[in-house]
C-alpha cells in the first residue's frame, strides 16, 4: 500500500496500492457494509430498505420549489443514518414517513403539504385542514 485516505465524507477509505510483482499501481475503495434493514409495509410485507425511495419521494414533493438537490441528499442521508442508529433489523414504513415529514416541515412548507397529502392519504378536506392548522399558527 502506497497511500490511504478517507473519501466520501469518511464513509469510504481510498487506498493506492502497487503490485509487488509487476509494480503496476491501482486504487481500491473500502466501504463498511451496512447491516440489512427491512421495512415493514402497511400490508405486512417486508422489503429491503432503499434510500432511493426516500429520495424519490422528496424529489417529487420538492418539485418546482426552492429546495436544492444537495439539501434533498442531506435529508436522505440524515434519515438513513437515524434509521440505522435507532432500528436494529426492521422499521415500520410509517416511522420512515414520519421522519420525512419532520424534515420537510423544517425545509419547505409547500413540499411538506405535498408529501403529507400523499403519505397521510387524506379522505376529505377536514383531515387535510387538521394537518395544516399547526403550521398556520
N, C-alpha and C. Protein backbone atom coordinates (compact mmCIF):
# COMPACT_ATOMS: atom_id res chain seq x y z
N UNK A 1 0.85 -1.17 0.00
CA UNK A 1 0.00 0.00 0.00
C UNK A 1 0.90 1.24 0.00
N UNK A 2 0.54 2.18 -0.87
CA UNK A 2 1.32 3.40 -1.01
C UNK A 2 0.71 4.53 -0.19
N UNK A 3 -0.63 4.66 -0.27
CA UNK A 3 -1.31 5.80 0.37
C UNK A 3 -2.71 5.37 0.78
N UNK A 4 -3.22 5.95 1.86
CA UNK A 4 -4.57 5.67 2.33
C UNK A 4 -5.23 6.98 2.72
N UNK A 5 -6.43 7.22 2.21
CA UNK A 5 -7.16 8.45 2.50
C UNK A 5 -8.63 8.18 2.72
N UNK A 6 -9.24 9.05 3.49
CA UNK A 6 -10.68 8.99 3.69
C UNK A 6 -11.36 9.66 2.50
N UNK A 7 -12.48 9.10 2.08
CA UNK A 7 -13.22 9.68 0.95
C UNK A 7 -14.71 9.64 1.26
N UNK A 8 -15.50 10.37 0.49
CA UNK A 8 -16.96 10.38 0.62
C UNK A 8 -17.40 10.65 2.06
N UNK A 9 -16.90 11.75 2.61
CA UNK A 9 -17.23 12.21 3.96
C UNK A 9 -16.91 11.16 5.03
N UNK A 10 -15.85 10.41 4.82
CA UNK A 10 -15.40 9.45 5.82
C UNK A 10 -16.03 8.08 5.76
N UNK A 11 -16.97 7.87 4.86
CA UNK A 11 -17.63 6.57 4.79
C UNK A 11 -16.88 5.57 3.92
N UNK A 12 -15.85 6.04 3.21
CA UNK A 12 -15.08 5.18 2.32
C UNK A 12 -13.59 5.44 2.55
N UNK A 13 -12.79 4.38 2.49
CA UNK A 13 -11.34 4.54 2.56
C UNK A 13 -10.77 4.26 1.18
N UNK A 14 -10.03 5.22 0.65
CA UNK A 14 -9.40 5.09 -0.67
C UNK A 14 -7.94 4.72 -0.44
N UNK A 15 -7.51 3.64 -1.08
CA UNK A 15 -6.13 3.20 -0.90
C UNK A 15 -5.44 3.07 -2.26
N UNK A 16 -4.25 3.64 -2.36
CA UNK A 16 -3.41 3.47 -3.55
C UNK A 16 -2.48 2.30 -3.25
N UNK A 17 -2.44 1.36 -4.16
CA UNK A 17 -1.64 0.16 -3.95
C UNK A 17 -0.71 -0.05 -5.15
N UNK A 18 0.28 -0.91 -4.93
CA UNK A 18 1.21 -1.25 -6.00
C UNK A 18 1.47 -2.76 -5.96
N UNK A 19 1.33 -3.39 -7.12
CA UNK A 19 1.59 -4.82 -7.23
C UNK A 19 3.08 -5.08 -6.98
N UNK A 20 3.39 -6.01 -6.10
CA UNK A 20 4.79 -6.32 -5.79
C UNK A 20 5.51 -7.00 -6.96
N UNK A 21 4.75 -7.72 -7.79
CA UNK A 21 5.36 -8.45 -8.90
C UNK A 21 5.63 -7.55 -10.11
N UNK A 22 4.58 -6.83 -10.57
CA UNK A 22 4.74 -6.06 -11.81
C UNK A 22 4.92 -4.56 -11.58
N UNK A 23 4.77 -4.10 -10.35
CA UNK A 23 4.93 -2.70 -9.95
C UNK A 23 3.83 -1.78 -10.48
N UNK A 24 2.77 -2.36 -11.03
CA UNK A 24 1.66 -1.55 -11.53
C UNK A 24 0.86 -1.01 -10.34
N UNK A 25 0.41 0.26 -10.44
CA UNK A 25 -0.35 0.89 -9.37
C UNK A 25 -1.85 0.84 -9.67
N UNK A 26 -2.64 0.75 -8.60
CA UNK A 26 -4.10 0.73 -8.75
C UNK A 26 -4.72 1.28 -7.46
N UNK A 27 -6.02 1.61 -7.54
CA UNK A 27 -6.74 2.17 -6.41
C UNK A 27 -7.84 1.22 -5.98
N UNK A 28 -8.02 1.07 -4.66
CA UNK A 28 -9.13 0.30 -4.13
C UNK A 28 -9.94 1.21 -3.22
N UNK A 29 -11.23 0.91 -3.12
CA UNK A 29 -12.12 1.66 -2.25
C UNK A 29 -12.75 0.67 -1.28
N UNK A 30 -12.67 0.99 0.01
CA UNK A 30 -13.22 0.10 1.03
C UNK A 30 -14.36 0.82 1.73
N UNK A 31 -15.49 0.16 1.81
CA UNK A 31 -16.67 0.74 2.43
C UNK A 31 -17.22 -0.26 3.45
N UNK A 32 -17.62 0.25 4.59
CA UNK A 32 -18.21 -0.60 5.60
C UNK A 32 -19.57 -1.05 5.11
N UNK A 33 -19.81 -2.33 5.18
CA UNK A 33 -21.08 -2.88 4.73
C UNK A 33 -22.13 -2.66 5.81
N UNK A 34 -23.19 -1.95 5.45
CA UNK A 34 -24.26 -1.66 6.40
C UNK A 34 -25.10 -2.91 6.65
N UNK A 35 -25.60 -3.06 7.87
CA UNK A 35 -26.47 -4.21 8.14
C UNK A 35 -27.76 -4.11 7.34
N UNK A 36 -28.37 -5.24 7.09
CA UNK A 36 -29.63 -5.27 6.35
C UNK A 36 -30.75 -4.69 7.22
N UNK A 37 -31.47 -3.74 6.67
CA UNK A 37 -32.61 -3.15 7.37
C UNK A 37 -33.84 -3.39 6.50
N UNK A 38 -34.85 -3.99 7.10
CA UNK A 38 -36.08 -4.29 6.37
C UNK A 38 -37.18 -3.32 6.78
N UNK A 39 -37.99 -2.93 5.80
CA UNK A 39 -39.12 -2.04 6.03
C UNK A 39 -40.38 -2.90 6.06
N UNK A 40 -41.17 -2.74 7.13
CA UNK A 40 -42.44 -3.45 7.25
C UNK A 40 -43.52 -2.54 6.70
N UNK A 41 -44.09 -2.93 5.58
CA UNK A 41 -45.12 -2.12 4.91
C UNK A 41 -46.44 -2.21 5.65
N UNK A 42 -47.39 -1.35 5.30
CA UNK A 42 -48.70 -1.33 5.96
C UNK A 42 -49.43 -2.66 5.84
N UNK A 43 -49.24 -3.35 4.71
CA UNK A 43 -49.93 -4.63 4.50
C UNK A 43 -49.18 -5.81 5.10
N UNK A 44 -48.08 -5.54 5.82
CA UNK A 44 -47.32 -6.59 6.48
C UNK A 44 -46.15 -7.13 5.69
N UNK A 45 -46.07 -6.77 4.41
CA UNK A 45 -44.93 -7.23 3.60
C UNK A 45 -43.64 -6.62 4.14
N UNK A 46 -42.54 -7.33 3.92
CA UNK A 46 -41.22 -6.83 4.30
C UNK A 46 -40.41 -6.67 3.03
N UNK A 47 -39.73 -5.53 2.93
CA UNK A 47 -38.83 -5.35 1.81
C UNK A 47 -37.57 -4.65 2.30
N UNK A 48 -36.50 -4.83 1.58
CA UNK A 48 -35.22 -4.26 1.94
C UNK A 48 -35.27 -2.74 1.87
N UNK A 49 -34.70 -2.07 2.86
CA UNK A 49 -34.67 -0.61 2.87
C UNK A 49 -33.95 -0.10 1.62
N UNK A 50 -34.54 0.92 1.00
CA UNK A 50 -33.98 1.51 -0.21
C UNK A 50 -33.99 3.02 -0.06
N UNK A 51 -32.82 3.62 0.13
CA UNK A 51 -32.73 5.07 0.33
C UNK A 51 -33.23 5.84 -0.89
N UNK A 52 -33.16 5.23 -2.07
CA UNK A 52 -33.61 5.91 -3.28
C UNK A 52 -35.12 6.17 -3.26
N UNK A 53 -35.88 5.35 -2.55
CA UNK A 53 -37.32 5.58 -2.44
C UNK A 53 -37.60 6.86 -1.65
N UNK A 54 -36.82 7.09 -0.61
CA UNK A 54 -36.96 8.32 0.16
C UNK A 54 -36.58 9.51 -0.72
N UNK A 55 -35.47 9.38 -1.42
CA UNK A 55 -35.01 10.46 -2.30
C UNK A 55 -36.04 10.78 -3.37
N UNK A 56 -36.64 9.76 -3.94
CA UNK A 56 -37.65 9.95 -4.98
C UNK A 56 -38.86 10.69 -4.41
N UNK A 57 -39.33 10.29 -3.24
CA UNK A 57 -40.47 10.95 -2.60
C UNK A 57 -40.18 12.41 -2.29
N UNK A 58 -38.98 12.68 -1.80
CA UNK A 58 -38.58 14.07 -1.51
C UNK A 58 -38.47 14.89 -2.79
N UNK A 59 -37.93 14.30 -3.82
CA UNK A 59 -37.77 15.00 -5.10
C UNK A 59 -39.12 15.39 -5.68
N UNK A 60 -40.08 14.49 -5.62
CA UNK A 60 -41.43 14.78 -6.12
C UNK A 60 -42.08 15.89 -5.28
N UNK A 61 -41.95 15.79 -3.97
CA UNK A 61 -42.55 16.80 -3.08
C UNK A 61 -41.92 18.17 -3.27
N UNK A 62 -40.63 18.20 -3.59
CA UNK A 62 -39.90 19.47 -3.72
C UNK A 62 -39.85 20.00 -5.16
N UNK A 63 -40.55 19.32 -6.06
CA UNK A 63 -40.53 19.74 -7.47
C UNK A 63 -41.01 21.19 -7.60
N UNK A 64 -40.24 21.99 -8.33
CA UNK A 64 -40.53 23.41 -8.57
C UNK A 64 -40.55 24.24 -7.28
N UNK A 65 -39.82 23.79 -6.28
CA UNK A 65 -39.68 24.50 -5.02
C UNK A 65 -38.21 24.90 -4.87
N UNK A 66 -37.93 25.93 -4.08
CA UNK A 66 -36.53 26.38 -3.94
C UNK A 66 -35.73 25.51 -2.96
N UNK A 67 -35.75 24.21 -3.19
CA UNK A 67 -35.01 23.28 -2.34
C UNK A 67 -33.90 22.68 -3.20
N UNK A 68 -32.65 22.99 -2.88
CA UNK A 68 -31.53 22.47 -3.69
C UNK A 68 -31.42 20.94 -3.60
N UNK A 69 -30.93 20.35 -4.65
CA UNK A 69 -30.73 18.90 -4.71
C UNK A 69 -29.81 18.45 -3.57
N UNK A 70 -28.83 19.27 -3.25
CA UNK A 70 -27.91 18.95 -2.16
C UNK A 70 -28.65 18.83 -0.82
N UNK A 71 -29.65 19.67 -0.61
CA UNK A 71 -30.44 19.63 0.62
C UNK A 71 -31.24 18.34 0.68
N UNK A 72 -31.79 17.92 -0.45
CA UNK A 72 -32.54 16.66 -0.50
C UNK A 72 -31.61 15.50 -0.14
N UNK A 73 -30.40 15.52 -0.69
CA UNK A 73 -29.43 14.46 -0.40
C UNK A 73 -29.05 14.46 1.08
N UNK A 74 -28.91 15.64 1.68
CA UNK A 74 -28.60 15.74 3.11
C UNK A 74 -29.73 15.14 3.96
N UNK A 75 -30.97 15.43 3.57
CA UNK A 75 -32.12 14.90 4.31
C UNK A 75 -32.14 13.38 4.22
N UNK A 76 -31.93 12.85 3.03
CA UNK A 76 -31.93 11.39 2.84
C UNK A 76 -30.84 10.76 3.70
N UNK A 77 -29.65 11.33 3.70
CA UNK A 77 -28.54 10.79 4.49
C UNK A 77 -28.84 10.86 5.98
N UNK A 78 -29.44 11.97 6.41
CA UNK A 78 -29.78 12.14 7.82
C UNK A 78 -30.81 11.09 8.26
N UNK A 79 -31.84 10.90 7.44
CA UNK A 79 -32.88 9.92 7.75
C UNK A 79 -32.29 8.51 7.76
N UNK A 80 -31.48 8.19 6.76
CA UNK A 80 -30.87 6.86 6.68
C UNK A 80 -30.01 6.59 7.92
N UNK A 81 -29.21 7.56 8.31
CA UNK A 81 -28.35 7.39 9.49
C UNK A 81 -29.18 7.19 10.75
N UNK A 82 -30.25 7.99 10.88
CA UNK A 82 -31.13 7.87 12.04
C UNK A 82 -31.79 6.49 12.10
N UNK A 83 -32.19 5.97 10.96
CA UNK A 83 -32.81 4.65 10.91
C UNK A 83 -31.84 3.56 11.35
N UNK A 84 -30.61 3.61 10.83
CA UNK A 84 -29.63 2.60 11.20
C UNK A 84 -29.19 2.72 12.66
N UNK A 85 -29.22 3.95 13.20
CA UNK A 85 -28.87 4.14 14.61
C UNK A 85 -29.97 3.65 15.54
N UNK A 86 -31.22 3.89 15.14
CA UNK A 86 -32.36 3.64 16.02
C UNK A 86 -32.94 2.23 15.91
N UNK A 87 -32.88 1.64 14.72
CA UNK A 87 -33.52 0.34 14.49
C UNK A 87 -32.46 -0.71 14.18
N UNK A 88 -32.71 -1.91 14.67
CA UNK A 88 -31.73 -2.98 14.51
C UNK A 88 -31.87 -3.69 13.17
N UNK A 89 -33.04 -4.29 12.93
CA UNK A 89 -33.23 -5.05 11.69
C UNK A 89 -34.48 -4.66 10.92
N UNK A 90 -35.49 -4.14 11.62
CA UNK A 90 -36.77 -3.82 10.98
C UNK A 90 -37.26 -2.45 11.43
N UNK A 91 -37.94 -1.78 10.51
CA UNK A 91 -38.55 -0.50 10.81
C UNK A 91 -39.88 -0.44 10.07
N UNK A 92 -40.88 0.11 10.73
CA UNK A 92 -42.19 0.24 10.08
C UNK A 92 -42.15 1.40 9.09
N UNK A 93 -42.85 1.24 7.99
CA UNK A 93 -42.87 2.25 6.93
C UNK A 93 -43.36 3.59 7.46
N UNK A 94 -44.33 3.58 8.38
CA UNK A 94 -44.85 4.85 8.87
C UNK A 94 -43.81 5.62 9.68
N UNK A 95 -42.85 4.92 10.31
CA UNK A 95 -41.77 5.61 11.03
C UNK A 95 -40.88 6.37 10.05
N UNK A 96 -40.65 5.79 8.88
CA UNK A 96 -39.85 6.46 7.85
C UNK A 96 -40.61 7.67 7.34
N UNK A 97 -41.91 7.49 7.06
CA UNK A 97 -42.73 8.61 6.58
C UNK A 97 -42.77 9.75 7.57
N UNK A 98 -42.84 9.44 8.86
CA UNK A 98 -42.84 10.48 9.88
C UNK A 98 -41.52 11.26 9.90
N UNK A 99 -40.41 10.55 9.72
CA UNK A 99 -39.11 11.22 9.66
C UNK A 99 -39.02 12.15 8.45
N UNK A 100 -39.51 11.68 7.31
CA UNK A 100 -39.51 12.51 6.10
C UNK A 100 -40.35 13.76 6.32
N UNK A 101 -41.52 13.58 6.90
CA UNK A 101 -42.39 14.74 7.15
C UNK A 101 -41.73 15.73 8.12
N UNK A 102 -41.09 15.21 9.15
CA UNK A 102 -40.40 16.09 10.12
C UNK A 102 -39.36 16.95 9.41
N UNK A 103 -38.56 16.32 8.56
CA UNK A 103 -37.51 17.06 7.86
C UNK A 103 -38.07 18.04 6.83
N UNK A 104 -39.11 17.62 6.09
CA UNK A 104 -39.71 18.51 5.10
C UNK A 104 -40.35 19.73 5.75
N UNK A 105 -40.93 19.53 6.90
CA UNK A 105 -41.58 20.65 7.61
C UNK A 105 -40.57 21.74 7.94
N UNK A 106 -39.34 21.35 8.23
CA UNK A 106 -38.27 22.30 8.54
C UNK A 106 -37.75 23.02 7.30
N UNK A 107 -37.86 22.36 6.15
CA UNK A 107 -37.23 22.87 4.94
C UNK A 107 -38.18 23.70 4.08
N UNK A 108 -39.38 23.17 3.82
CA UNK A 108 -40.30 23.85 2.90
C UNK A 108 -41.73 23.40 3.21
N UNK A 109 -42.58 24.35 3.58
CA UNK A 109 -43.95 24.01 3.98
C UNK A 109 -44.79 23.49 2.82
N UNK A 110 -44.58 24.00 1.64
CA UNK A 110 -45.36 23.52 0.48
C UNK A 110 -44.98 22.07 0.17
N UNK A 111 -43.70 21.78 0.19
CA UNK A 111 -43.24 20.40 -0.04
C UNK A 111 -43.78 19.48 1.05
N UNK A 112 -43.82 19.98 2.27
CA UNK A 112 -44.37 19.22 3.39
C UNK A 112 -45.83 18.86 3.13
N UNK A 113 -46.61 19.84 2.70
CA UNK A 113 -48.04 19.62 2.43
C UNK A 113 -48.22 18.63 1.28
N UNK A 114 -47.40 18.77 0.25
CA UNK A 114 -47.48 17.83 -0.87
C UNK A 114 -47.22 16.40 -0.41
N UNK A 115 -46.16 16.22 0.36
CA UNK A 115 -45.80 14.89 0.84
C UNK A 115 -46.89 14.36 1.77
N UNK A 116 -47.36 15.20 2.67
CA UNK A 116 -48.37 14.80 3.65
C UNK A 116 -49.66 14.36 2.96
N UNK A 117 -50.03 15.05 1.89
CA UNK A 117 -51.28 14.71 1.21
C UNK A 117 -51.24 13.31 0.61
N UNK A 118 -50.07 12.88 0.17
CA UNK A 118 -49.93 11.52 -0.37
C UNK A 118 -49.70 10.53 0.76
N UNK A 119 -48.81 10.85 1.66
CA UNK A 119 -48.43 9.94 2.74
C UNK A 119 -49.59 9.66 3.69
N UNK A 120 -50.31 10.67 4.08
CA UNK A 120 -51.42 10.51 5.02
C UNK A 120 -52.70 10.01 4.32
N UNK A 121 -52.76 10.13 3.00
CA UNK A 121 -53.93 9.70 2.22
C UNK A 121 -55.23 10.23 2.82
N UNK A 122 -55.32 11.54 2.90
CA UNK A 122 -56.49 12.19 3.49
C UNK A 122 -57.77 11.76 2.77
N UNK A 123 -58.81 11.50 3.56
CA UNK A 123 -60.09 11.06 2.99
C UNK A 123 -60.98 12.25 2.63
N UNK A 124 -60.76 13.37 3.30
CA UNK A 124 -61.55 14.56 2.98
C UNK A 124 -60.77 15.82 3.36
N UNK A 125 -61.34 16.95 3.04
CA UNK A 125 -60.69 18.25 3.26
C UNK A 125 -60.51 18.53 4.75
N UNK A 126 -61.41 18.03 5.57
CA UNK A 126 -61.33 18.26 7.02
C UNK A 126 -60.03 17.69 7.59
N UNK A 127 -59.68 16.49 7.19
CA UNK A 127 -58.43 15.88 7.65
C UNK A 127 -57.22 16.70 7.18
N UNK A 128 -57.31 17.19 5.96
CA UNK A 128 -56.22 17.99 5.39
C UNK A 128 -56.05 19.29 6.18
N UNK A 129 -57.14 19.95 6.48
CA UNK A 129 -57.09 21.21 7.24
C UNK A 129 -56.56 20.96 8.64
N UNK A 130 -56.94 19.85 9.24
CA UNK A 130 -56.46 19.49 10.58
C UNK A 130 -54.93 19.38 10.58
N UNK A 131 -54.36 18.83 9.53
CA UNK A 131 -52.91 18.70 9.41
C UNK A 131 -52.23 20.06 9.24
N UNK A 132 -52.93 20.98 8.54
CA UNK A 132 -52.35 22.29 8.27
C UNK A 132 -52.45 23.28 9.42
N UNK A 133 -53.43 23.13 10.28
CA UNK A 133 -53.67 24.09 11.37
C UNK A 133 -52.41 24.44 12.18
N UNK A 134 -51.64 23.45 12.64
CA UNK A 134 -50.43 23.81 13.41
C UNK A 134 -49.45 24.69 12.65
N UNK A 135 -49.39 24.53 11.34
CA UNK A 135 -48.47 25.32 10.53
C UNK A 135 -48.95 26.75 10.35
N UNK A 136 -50.26 26.96 10.41
CA UNK A 136 -50.82 28.30 10.19
C UNK A 136 -50.67 29.21 11.40
N UNK A 137 -50.36 28.64 12.54
CA UNK A 137 -50.22 29.45 13.76
C UNK A 137 -48.91 30.17 13.81
